[in-house]
Amino acid sequence: MTVIIKLREAMQSYYRRTGKRMTYVKLAEATGISEDTIESIGGRNEYLPGLTTVEKLCRALEVEISEMVEIVDDPPSEPEPSPKTTKKKKKTTKKKKKKIKKAKK
């Protein structure tokens, strides 16, 4: 399961509703969250802020948490091959190597 914070979408929604642009700087001032943290949330899907941070962003952007947070199922991973289905490479012994050399001559 992957959690995605849809900050940019929430900012666009705020603009459509109010006609006012919300920049990262304005959002930082309105929430008390550092601009660097807001940039990380907006620019990196793997960045997961705490719920308090998400709540502050939701309040400032006047959106419900369900509009800001999306939970996505991860795609199924490839199953690990079982030991029975894995082919083992056979080792060639010194005797077999000598027989192969003799047979080639």
C-alpha atoms as a PDB file:
ATOM      1  CA  MET A   1       0.000   0.000   0.000  1.00  0.00           C
ATOM      2  CA  THR A   2       1.285   3.433  -0.960  1.00  0.00           C
ATOM      3  CA  VAL A   3       0.090   6.748   0.471  1.00  0.00           C
ATOM      4  CA  ILE A   4       0.180   9.730  -1.886  1.00  0.00           C
ATOM      5  CA  ILE A   5      -0.186  13.322  -0.697  1.00  0.00           C
ATOM      6  CA  LYS A   6      -1.865  15.294  -3.487  1.00  0.00           C
ATOM      7  CA  LEU A   7      -0.644  18.741  -2.459  1.00  0.00           C
ATOM      8  CA  ARG A   8      -0.432  20.254  -5.939  1.00  0.00           C
ATOM      9  CA  GLU A   9      -3.943  19.084  -6.781  1.00  0.00           C
ATOM     10  CA  ALA A  10      -5.236  20.601  -3.522  1.00  0.00           C
ATOM     11  CA  MET A  11      -3.490  23.887  -4.337  1.00  0.00           C
ATOM     12  CA  GLN A  12      -5.085  23.921  -7.809  1.00  0.00           C
ATOM     13  CA  SER A  13      -8.470  23.155  -6.272  1.00  0.00           C
ATOM     14  CA  TYR A  14      -8.009  26.073  -3.866  1.00  0.00           C
ATOM     15  CA  TYR A  15      -7.259  28.378  -6.800  1.00  0.00           C
ATOM     16  CA  ARG A  16     -10.334  27.211  -8.747  1.00  0.00           C
ATOM     17  CA  ARG A  17     -12.586  27.786  -5.727  1.00  0.00           C
ATOM     18  CA  THR A  18     -11.169  31.092  -4.481  1.00  0.00           C
ATOM     19  CA  GLY A  19      -9.418  32.639  -7.469  1.00  0.00           C
ATOM     20  CA  LYS A  20      -6.354  33.095  -5.220  1.00  0.00           C
ATOM     21  CA  ARG A  21      -3.034  31.413  -5.932  1.00  0.00           C
ATOM     22  CA  MET A  22      -1.500  29.592  -2.981  1.00  0.00           C
ATOM     23  CA  THR A  23       2.273  29.365  -3.310  1.00  0.00           C
ATOM     24  CA  TYR A  24       4.580  27.279  -1.154  1.00  0.00           C
ATOM     25  CA  VAL A  25       5.714  30.489   0.556  1.00  0.00           C
ATOM     26  CA  LYS A  26       2.131  31.542   1.372  1.00  0.00           C
ATOM     27  CA  LEU A  27       1.294  28.013   2.483  1.00  0.00           C
ATOM     28  CA  ALA A  28       4.336  27.981   4.778  1.00  0.00           C
ATOM     29  CA  GLU A  29       3.247  31.279   6.319  1.00  0.00           C
ATOM     30  CA  ALA A  30      -0.350  30.100   6.762  1.00  0.00           C
ATOM     31  CA  THR A  31       0.559  26.748   8.338  1.00  0.00           C
ATOM     32  CA  GLY A  32       3.849  27.303  10.162  1.00  0.00           C
ATOM     33  CA  ILE A  33       5.340  24.417   8.158  1.00  0.00           C
ATOM     34  CA  SER A  34       8.747  25.129   6.653  1.00  0.00           C
ATOM     35  CA  GLU A  35       8.852  25.915   2.951  1.00  0.00           C
ATOM     36  CA  ASP A  36      11.414  23.120   2.452  1.00  0.00           C
ATOM     37  CA  THR A  37       9.008  20.586   3.959  1.00  0.00           C
ATOM     38  CA  ILE A  38       6.153  21.812   1.771  1.00  0.00           C
ATOM     39  CA  GLU A  39       8.384  21.570  -1.310  1.00  0.00           C
ATOM     40  CA  SER A  40       9.286  18.001  -0.341  1.00  0.00           C
ATOM     41  CA  ILE A  41       5.626  17.053   0.090  1.00  0.00           C
ATOM     42  CA  GLY A  42       4.696  18.635  -3.242  1.00  0.00           C
ATOM     43  CA  GLY A  43       7.628  17.264  -5.195  1.00  0.00           C
ATOM     44  CA  ARG A  44       8.348  13.801  -3.835  1.00  0.00           C
ATOM     45  CA  ASN A  45       5.703  11.067  -3.747  1.00  0.00           C
ATOM     46  CA  GLU A  46       7.769   9.021  -1.305  1.00  0.00           C
ATOM     47  CA  TYR A  47       7.780  11.848   1.288  1.00  0.00           C
ATOM     48  CA  LEU A  48       5.232  11.076   3.997  1.00  0.00           C
ATOM     49  CA  PRO A  49       4.433  13.911   6.410  1.00  0.00           C
ATOM     50  CA  GLY A  50       2.740  13.332   9.745  1.00  0.00           C
ATOM     51  CA  LEU A  51      -1.020  13.658  10.161  1.00  0.00           C
ATOM     52  CA  THR A  52      -0.668  16.978  11.989  1.00  0.00           C
ATOM     53  CA  THR A  53       1.163  18.404   8.984  1.00  0.00           C
ATOM     54  CA  VAL A  54      -1.457  17.075   6.566  1.00  0.00           C
ATOM     55  CA  GLU A  55      -4.220  18.518   8.761  1.00  0.00           C
ATOM     56  CA  LYS A  56      -2.586  21.982   8.721  1.00  0.00           C
ATOM     57  CA  LEU A  57      -2.277  21.843   4.931  1.00  0.00           C
ATOM     58  CA  CYS A  58      -5.913  20.754   4.561  1.00  0.00           C
ATOM     59  CA  ARG A  59      -7.130  23.608   6.773  1.00  0.00           C
ATOM     60  CA  ALA A  60      -5.075  26.215   4.916  1.00  0.00           C
ATOM     61  CA  LEU A  61      -6.247  24.929   1.520  1.00  0.00           C
ATOM     62  CA  GLU A  62      -9.823  24.397   2.721  1.00  0.00           C
ATOM     63  CA  VAL A  63      -9.988  20.771   1.567  1.00  0.00           C
ATOM     64  CA  GLU A  64     -11.029  17.548   3.228  1.00  0.00           C
ATOM     65  CA  ILE A  65      -8.271  15.090   4.075  1.00  0.00           C
ATOM     66  CA  SER A  66      -9.834  12.628   1.607  1.00  0.00           C
ATOM     67  CA  GLU A  67      -9.111  15.144  -1.177  1.00  0.00           C
ATOM     68  CA  MET A  68      -5.465  15.469  -0.133  1.00  0.00           C
ATOM     69  CA  VAL A  69      -4.562  11.850   0.672  1.00  0.00           C
ATOM     70  CA  GLU A  70      -4.833   8.890  -1.673  1.00  0.00           C
ATOM     71  CA  ILE A  71      -4.106   5.291  -0.750  1.00  0.00           C
ATOM     72  CA  VAL A  72      -3.037   3.098  -3.657  1.00  0.00           C
ATOM     73  CA  ASP A  73      -2.573  -0.651  -3.630  1.00  0.00           C
ATOM     74  CA  ASP A  74       0.918  -1.669  -4.654  1.00  0.00           C
ATOM     75  CA  PRO A  75       1.111  -3.865  -7.737  1.00  0.00           C
ATOM     76  CA  PRO A  76       1.654  -7.529  -6.929  1.00  0.00           C
ATOM     77  CA  SER A  77       5.310  -8.385  -6.745  1.00  0.00           C
ATOM     78  CA  GLU A  78       6.898 -11.195  -8.694  1.00  0.00           C
ATOM     79  CA  PRO A  79       6.886 -14.378  -6.638  1.00  0.00           C
ATOM     80  CA  GLU A  80      10.256 -15.655  -5.539  1.00  0.00           C
ATOM     81  CA  PRO A  81      11.180 -18.849  -7.380  1.00  0.00           C
ATOM     82  CA  SER A  82      10.869 -21.864  -5.172  1.00  0.00           C
ATOM     83  CA  PRO A  83      13.946 -24.035  -4.659  1.00  0.00           C
ATOM     84  CA  LYS A  84      12.260 -26.868  -6.583  1.00  0.00           C
ATOM     85  CA  THR A  85      11.792 -24.763  -9.719  1.00  0.00           C
ATOM     86  CA  THR A  86      15.221 -23.149  -9.657  1.00  0.00           C
ATOM     87  CA  LYS A  87      17.654 -24.943 -11.913  1.00  0.00           C
ATOM     88  CA  LYS A  88      21.002 -25.520 -10.339  1.00  0.00           C
ATOM     89  CA  LYS A  89      24.047 -25.251 -12.483  1.00  0.00           C
ATOM     90  CA  LYS A  90      25.906 -28.509 -12.476  1.00  0.00           C
ATOM     91  CA  LYS A  91      29.534 -28.332 -11.554  1.00  0.00           C
ATOM     92  CA  THR A  92      31.997 -29.907 -13.906  1.00  0.00           C
ATOM     93  CA  THR A  93      34.489 -32.009 -12.025  1.00  0.00           C
ATOM     94  CA  LYS A  94      38.159 -32.299 -12.961  1.00  0.00           C
ATOM     95  CA  LYS A  95      37.585 -35.869 -14.213  1.00  0.00           C
ATOM     96  CA  LYS A  96      34.779 -34.729 -16.511  1.00  0.00           C
ATOM     97  CA  LYS A  97      36.928 -31.848 -17.822  1.00  0.00           C
ATOM     98  CA  LYS A  98      39.731 -34.316 -18.687  1.00  0.00           C
ATOM     99  CA  LYS A  99      37.255 -36.615 -20.480  1.00  0.00           C
ATOM    100  CA  ILE A 100      35.884 -33.663 -22.451  1.00  0.00           C
ATOM    101  CA  LYS A 101      39.429 -32.618 -23.481  1.00  0.00           C
ATOM    102  CA  LYS A 102      40.259 -36.159 -24.581  1.00  0.00           C
ATOM    103  CA  ALA A 103      37.025 -36.439 -26.535  1.00  0.00           C
ATOM    104  CA  LYS A 104      37.743 -33.181 -28.398  1.00  0.00           C
ATOM    105  CA  LYS A 105      41.193 -34.440 -29.525  1.00  0.00           C
END
